[in-house]
Amino acid sequence: ARFWWWNVLLNTVAAIILGLIGLTILVVLYKDEKIEGSPILISFFAFCFSLAVGTLWEILEFVLDNSFSFNLQQLSLKDSMLDLIFNAVGSAAVAIAGYFYLQRGQKTLVSRLITTFIENNPILLRGKKDSQIKNIKEVIKKGESEKIEFKSTLRTNVYTGQIDSKIEHAAIRTVAAYLNSGGGILLLGVDDKGEIIGLEKDNFQSADKMLVHFTNLLKHKIGNEYSSLIEMETFLVDEKTVLKVECRQSDRPVFVKTDGEEEFFIRNGPASMKLSGSSLVNYIQRRFSKNY
């Protein structure tokens, strides 16, 4: 009664918190490939989750007012509607921020909160490392597809045992193809048949040095501006090192720099295909023209 803004603040903050909860759950399920959907659809359901819980709270207030003569809604339909409006505003703010996080990898306060919460609460959301390893095995069982590809090594030719730049190029072009298409997952340390062979043949001193090496390759060959769309993590699966590279689609065309030239790749089924000439022009106009 003394502070007119208190109810506004309470409902808006509550909606934001609920929106974060809904969005975080959906982001985890999406990244773990438990669900499939566009960023706008996932953001919309996060909005609906927050607004639905807020609506249930208003119903609870109505029941308490009528059953026990409380004054939670100030006996006013206007008060209830204002609460729902501010719930919708807070829910929409989180949903919009979540959309940009999923679609373009843009870092916002909301995306930082989501990422931090996921990392600090693995047991609540993703489970322990064992759970993530189990998810990788499930991905491997699915086999290669438009959004899943396996590479035996990062830089070593398995037939010659020598470091080969062509092997590195194959991994880089897969990442570029995912960025130019609908995104996807590259698993390094898994052969074409789905057998886990590990990256020990690459002879990196540690997993961290391997990540630094691949990150530098991507920056040099693709560009640092796309790093926010690429997430990398190593796992010890059956005592063998596997590198998981998860890519989101880019809103700009991504080229691979090779010997002073630029190459453009897209996903074509379970493989990466190079485009040039009129095919390249038509694809870029069709997919990226709205962003220019």
Protein backbone atom coordinates (compact mmCIF):
# COMPACT_ATOMS: atom_id res chain seq x y z
CA ALA A 1 0.00 0.00 0.00
CA ARG A 2 2.90 2.40 0.73
CA PHE A 3 4.99 1.58 -2.36
CA TRP A 4 2.94 1.50 -5.59
CA TRP A 5 5.86 0.05 -7.55
CA TRP A 6 6.37 -2.96 -5.29
CA ASN A 7 3.81 -5.20 -7.02
CA VAL A 8 5.17 -4.24 -10.43
CA LEU A 9 8.72 -5.08 -9.40
CA LEU A 10 7.70 -8.33 -7.73
CA ASN A 11 5.79 -9.68 -10.74
CA THR A 12 8.37 -8.60 -13.30
CA VAL A 13 11.32 -10.07 -11.40
CA ALA A 14 9.38 -13.28 -10.72
CA ALA A 15 8.59 -13.59 -14.43
CA ILE A 16 12.25 -13.08 -15.36
CA ILE A 17 13.36 -15.76 -12.88
CA LEU A 18 10.73 -18.20 -14.14
CA GLY A 19 11.69 -17.39 -17.73
CA LEU A 20 15.33 -18.12 -16.93
CA ILE A 21 14.37 -21.46 -15.39
CA GLY A 22 12.29 -22.48 -18.41
CA LEU A 23 14.85 -21.25 -20.92
CA THR A 24 17.76 -22.93 -19.10
CA ILE A 25 15.99 -26.31 -19.11
CA LEU A 26 15.15 -26.01 -22.81
CA VAL A 27 18.68 -24.87 -23.73
CA VAL A 28 20.18 -27.88 -21.94
CA LEU A 29 17.78 -30.29 -23.66
CA TYR A 30 18.44 -28.61 -27.00
CA LYS A 31 22.23 -28.74 -26.68
CA ASP A 32 22.11 -32.36 -25.50
CA GLU A 33 19.95 -33.16 -28.56
CA LYS A 34 17.05 -34.34 -26.41
CA ILE A 35 14.74 -32.01 -28.33
CA GLU A 36 14.84 -30.42 -31.76
CA GLY A 37 13.44 -27.02 -32.63
CA SER A 38 14.28 -23.61 -33.97
CA PRO A 39 15.60 -20.92 -31.59
CA ILE A 40 12.38 -18.93 -31.97
CA LEU A 41 10.27 -21.97 -31.00
CA ILE A 42 12.41 -22.74 -27.94
CA SER A 43 12.25 -19.08 -26.86
CA PHE A 44 8.48 -19.06 -27.35
CA PHE A 45 8.01 -22.10 -25.11
CA ALA A 46 10.23 -20.51 -22.47
CA PHE A 47 7.92 -17.47 -22.62
CA CYS A 48 4.85 -19.71 -22.30
CA PHE A 49 6.38 -21.57 -19.33
CA SER A 50 7.00 -18.35 -17.40
CA LEU A 51 3.60 -16.87 -18.21
CA ALA A 52 1.80 -20.12 -17.35
CA VAL A 53 3.37 -20.31 -13.88
CA GLY A 54 2.55 -16.64 -13.33
CA THR A 55 -1.05 -17.34 -14.29
CA LEU A 56 -1.23 -20.26 -11.85
CA TRP A 57 0.02 -17.88 -9.14
CA GLU A 58 -2.83 -15.48 -9.93
CA ILE A 59 -5.29 -18.35 -9.67
CA LEU A 60 -3.81 -19.24 -6.28
CA GLU A 61 -4.23 -15.63 -5.11
CA PHE A 62 -7.86 -15.68 -6.28
CA VAL A 63 -8.56 -18.92 -4.37
CA LEU A 64 -6.95 -17.57 -1.19
CA ASP A 65 -8.85 -14.29 -1.44
CA ASN A 66 -12.19 -16.05 -1.79
CA SER A 67 -11.53 -18.86 0.67
CA PHE A 68 -9.83 -16.96 3.49
CA SER A 69 -10.81 -13.35 2.82
CA PHE A 70 -7.26 -12.32 1.90
CA ASN A 71 -6.62 -9.20 -0.14
CA LEU A 72 -3.82 -10.45 -2.40
CA GLN A 73 -5.52 -9.18 -5.56
CA GLN A 74 -7.00 -6.13 -3.86
CA LEU A 75 -10.41 -7.48 -4.92
CA SER A 76 -9.78 -6.03 -8.37
CA LEU A 77 -9.77 -7.55 -11.84
CA LYS A 78 -7.52 -4.67 -12.88
CA ASP A 79 -4.90 -5.75 -10.34
CA SER A 80 -4.90 -9.30 -11.70
CA MET A 81 -4.60 -8.13 -15.29
CA LEU A 82 -1.74 -5.76 -14.44
CA ASP A 83 0.08 -8.63 -12.73
CA LEU A 84 -0.31 -10.77 -15.85
CA ILE A 85 0.85 -7.92 -18.10
CA PHE A 86 4.04 -7.43 -16.10
CA ASN A 87 4.51 -11.20 -16.04
CA ALA A 88 4.30 -11.15 -19.82
CA VAL A 89 6.81 -8.28 -20.06
CA GLY A 90 9.38 -10.09 -17.91
CA SER A 91 8.81 -13.37 -19.75
CA ALA A 92 9.18 -11.68 -23.15
CA ALA A 93 12.45 -10.01 -22.13
CA VAL A 94 14.01 -13.37 -21.27
CA ALA A 95 12.58 -15.05 -24.38
CA ILE A 96 14.01 -12.36 -26.70
CA ALA A 97 17.43 -12.51 -25.06
CA GLY A 98 17.33 -16.31 -25.26
CA TYR A 99 16.50 -16.17 -28.96
CA PHE A 100 19.57 -14.07 -29.78
CA TYR A 101 21.70 -16.36 -27.63
CA LEU A 102 20.55 -19.48 -29.53
CA GLN A 103 20.34 -17.93 -32.99
CA ARG A 104 23.45 -15.79 -33.20
CA GLY A 105 25.52 -16.59 -30.14
CA GLN A 106 25.26 -12.98 -28.95
CA LYS A 107 26.32 -12.65 -25.34
CA THR A 108 23.79 -10.94 -23.09
CA LEU A 109 23.24 -10.75 -19.37
CA VAL A 110 20.63 -13.50 -19.71
CA SER A 111 22.93 -15.79 -21.71
CA ARG A 112 25.71 -15.32 -19.15
CA LEU A 113 23.29 -16.21 -16.34
CA ILE A 114 22.16 -19.31 -18.23
CA THR A 115 25.71 -20.46 -18.98
CA THR A 116 26.89 -19.82 -15.42
CA PHE A 117 23.91 -21.63 -13.92
CA ILE A 118 24.40 -24.67 -16.17
CA GLU A 119 28.11 -24.88 -15.37
CA ASN A 120 27.60 -24.44 -11.61
CA ASN A 121 24.71 -26.91 -11.34
CA PRO A 122 25.58 -29.89 -13.53
CA ILE A 123 23.87 -32.38 -11.24
CA LEU A 124 20.55 -30.52 -11.41
CA LEU A 125 20.53 -30.18 -15.18
CA ARG A 126 22.96 -32.28 -17.15
CA GLY A 127 24.12 -34.66 -14.53
CA LYS A 128 27.73 -35.53 -13.86
CA LYS A 129 30.42 -36.01 -16.48
CA ASP A 130 29.30 -39.61 -16.83
CA SER A 131 25.92 -38.40 -18.05
CA GLN A 132 27.56 -36.27 -20.73
CA ILE A 133 29.72 -39.20 -21.83
CA LYS A 134 26.57 -41.30 -22.08
CA ASN A 135 25.05 -38.64 -24.31
CA ILE A 136 28.11 -38.74 -26.57
CA LYS A 137 27.76 -42.50 -26.90
CA GLU A 138 24.11 -42.02 -27.82
CA VAL A 139 25.13 -39.52 -30.50
CA ILE A 140 27.68 -41.99 -31.86
CA LYS A 141 25.04 -44.72 -32.04
CA LYS A 142 22.92 -42.51 -34.27
CA GLY A 143 25.70 -42.50 -36.84
CA GLU A 144 26.76 -39.74 -39.18
CA SER A 145 24.06 -37.48 -40.56
CA GLU A 146 23.52 -33.93 -41.74
CA LYS A 147 24.18 -32.67 -38.20
CA ILE A 148 26.64 -35.30 -36.94
CA GLU A 149 30.07 -36.11 -38.34
CA PHE A 150 32.99 -38.20 -37.09
CA LYS A 151 36.72 -37.66 -37.65
CA SER A 152 39.34 -40.16 -36.52
CA THR A 153 41.96 -37.53 -35.64
CA LEU A 154 42.52 -33.81 -35.62
CA ARG A 155 45.87 -33.62 -37.40
CA THR A 156 47.39 -37.09 -37.84
CA ASN A 157 46.97 -39.28 -40.91
CA VAL A 158 45.99 -42.68 -39.48
CA TYR A 159 47.59 -44.50 -42.43
CA THR A 160 50.97 -42.75 -42.43
CA GLY A 161 51.12 -41.78 -38.77
CA GLN A 162 52.33 -38.33 -39.81
CA ILE A 163 50.88 -34.89 -39.11
CA ASP A 164 48.92 -33.87 -42.20
CA SER A 165 47.47 -30.41 -42.87
CA LYS A 166 44.80 -32.02 -45.05
CA ILE A 167 43.41 -33.77 -41.96
CA GLU A 168 43.17 -30.43 -40.14
CA HIS A 169 41.53 -28.88 -43.19
CA ALA A 170 38.88 -31.62 -43.22
CA ALA A 171 37.87 -30.76 -39.65
CA ILE A 172 37.84 -27.01 -40.35
CA ARG A 173 35.68 -27.32 -43.45
CA THR A 174 33.17 -29.41 -41.46
CA VAL A 175 32.92 -26.63 -38.87
CA ALA A 176 32.49 -24.03 -41.64
CA ALA A 177 29.81 -26.16 -43.30
CA TYR A 178 27.87 -26.36 -40.03
CA LEU A 179 28.12 -22.59 -39.58
CA ASN A 180 26.82 -22.03 -43.11
CA SER A 181 24.02 -24.56 -42.72
CA GLY A 182 21.90 -25.46 -39.72
CA GLY A 183 24.64 -26.17 -37.20
CA GLY A 184 25.78 -29.56 -35.97
CA ILE A 185 28.23 -31.65 -33.95
CA LEU A 186 31.70 -32.81 -34.97
CA LEU A 187 33.22 -35.62 -32.91
CA LEU A 188 36.99 -36.00 -33.24
CA GLY A 189 38.43 -39.31 -32.09
CA VAL A 190 35.66 -41.41 -33.65
CA ASP A 191 36.09 -43.19 -36.99
CA ASP A 192 33.56 -43.45 -39.80
CA LYS A 193 32.18 -46.70 -38.43
CA GLY A 194 31.41 -45.14 -35.06
CA GLU A 195 34.31 -46.78 -33.25
CA ILE A 196 35.94 -44.66 -30.54
CA ILE A 197 39.68 -44.64 -31.32
CA GLY A 198 40.65 -41.50 -29.38
CA LEU A 199 42.92 -38.58 -30.22
CA GLU A 200 46.02 -39.95 -28.57
CA LYS A 201 47.61 -40.40 -32.02
CA ASP A 202 47.69 -36.62 -32.40
CA ASN A 203 50.34 -36.54 -29.64
CA PHE A 204 49.25 -33.38 -27.87
CA GLN A 205 50.84 -32.85 -24.47
CA SER A 206 47.42 -32.27 -22.91
CA ALA A 207 43.78 -31.79 -23.78
CA ASP A 208 44.14 -28.06 -23.12
CA LYS A 209 46.95 -27.76 -25.68
CA MET A 210 44.80 -29.60 -28.21
CA LEU A 211 41.93 -27.17 -27.63
CA VAL A 212 44.28 -24.20 -27.98
CA HIS A 213 45.70 -25.64 -31.21
CA PHE A 214 42.29 -26.19 -32.79
CA THR A 215 41.03 -22.81 -31.59
CA ASN A 216 44.00 -21.09 -33.22
CA LEU A 217 43.40 -23.00 -36.44
CA LEU A 218 39.79 -21.88 -36.54
CA LYS A 219 40.73 -18.27 -35.86
CA HIS A 220 43.33 -18.33 -38.62
CA LYS A 221 41.30 -20.24 -41.20
CA ILE A 222 37.77 -19.00 -40.47
CA GLY A 223 37.97 -15.91 -38.28
CA ASN A 224 37.78 -14.98 -34.63
CA GLU A 225 34.36 -13.35 -35.05
CA TYR A 226 32.69 -16.78 -35.27
CA SER A 227 34.19 -18.18 -32.05
CA SER A 228 31.02 -17.45 -30.07
CA LEU A 229 29.17 -19.92 -32.32
CA ILE A 230 31.57 -22.78 -31.62
CA GLU A 231 31.79 -24.71 -28.35
CA MET A 232 34.49 -27.32 -27.74
CA GLU A 233 34.98 -29.80 -24.93
CA THR A 234 37.07 -32.93 -24.45
CA PHE A 235 35.78 -36.13 -22.87
CA LEU A 236 37.44 -39.35 -21.78
CA VAL A 237 35.20 -42.00 -23.32
CA ASP A 238 36.22 -45.61 -22.64
CA GLU A 239 39.65 -44.30 -21.60
CA LYS A 240 40.07 -42.54 -24.96
CA THR A 241 40.03 -38.79 -25.63
CA VAL A 242 37.16 -37.48 -27.73
CA LEU A 243 36.76 -33.84 -28.73
CA LYS A 244 33.20 -32.62 -29.18
CA VAL A 245 32.80 -29.52 -31.35
CA GLU A 246 29.29 -28.07 -31.34
CA CYS A 247 28.44 -25.39 -33.90
CA ARG A 248 25.46 -23.07 -34.26
CA GLN A 249 24.45 -21.62 -37.59
CA SER A 250 25.86 -18.24 -38.55
CA ASP A 251 23.86 -15.29 -39.83
CA ARG A 252 26.72 -14.44 -42.21
CA PRO A 253 28.53 -16.58 -44.80
CA VAL A 254 31.69 -18.24 -43.47
CA PHE A 255 34.66 -18.86 -45.75
CA VAL A 256 37.72 -21.03 -45.17
CA LYS A 257 41.05 -19.43 -46.07
CA THR A 258 43.22 -21.90 -47.99
CA ASP A 259 46.50 -21.05 -49.77
CA GLY A 260 45.52 -17.43 -50.33
CA GLU A 261 42.03 -18.34 -51.54
CA GLU A 262 38.64 -18.67 -49.86
CA GLU A 263 36.44 -21.75 -49.96
CA PHE A 264 32.76 -22.06 -49.04
CA PHE A 265 31.22 -25.25 -47.66
CA ILE A 266 27.72 -26.38 -46.71
CA ARG A 267 26.28 -29.61 -45.36
CA ASN A 268 24.89 -32.03 -47.93
CA GLY A 269 23.55 -35.03 -46.04
CA PRO A 270 26.35 -36.59 -43.95
CA ALA A 271 29.10 -34.76 -45.87
CA SER A 272 30.45 -31.26 -46.41
CA MET A 273 30.14 -29.94 -49.96
CA LYS A 274 32.10 -27.10 -51.55
CA LEU A 275 30.13 -24.48 -53.48
CA SER A 276 31.47 -22.13 -56.12
CA GLY A 277 30.27 -20.01 -59.01
CA SER A 278 26.54 -19.54 -59.48
CA SER A 279 25.72 -22.22 -56.88
CA LEU A 280 27.62 -20.24 -54.25
CA VAL A 281 25.96 -16.95 -55.22
CA ASN A 282 22.47 -18.47 -55.21
CA TYR A 283 22.98 -20.15 -51.83
CA ILE A 284 24.26 -16.99 -50.16
CA GLN A 285 21.42 -14.92 -51.61
CA ARG A 286 18.85 -17.46 -50.44
CA ARG A 287 20.19 -17.99 -46.92
CA PHE A 288 21.95 -14.78 -45.94
CA SER A 289 20.45 -11.94 -47.99
CA LYS A 290 18.04 -10.90 -45.20
CA ASN A 291 21.01 -10.15 -42.93
CA TYR A 292 22.54 -7.58 -45.28
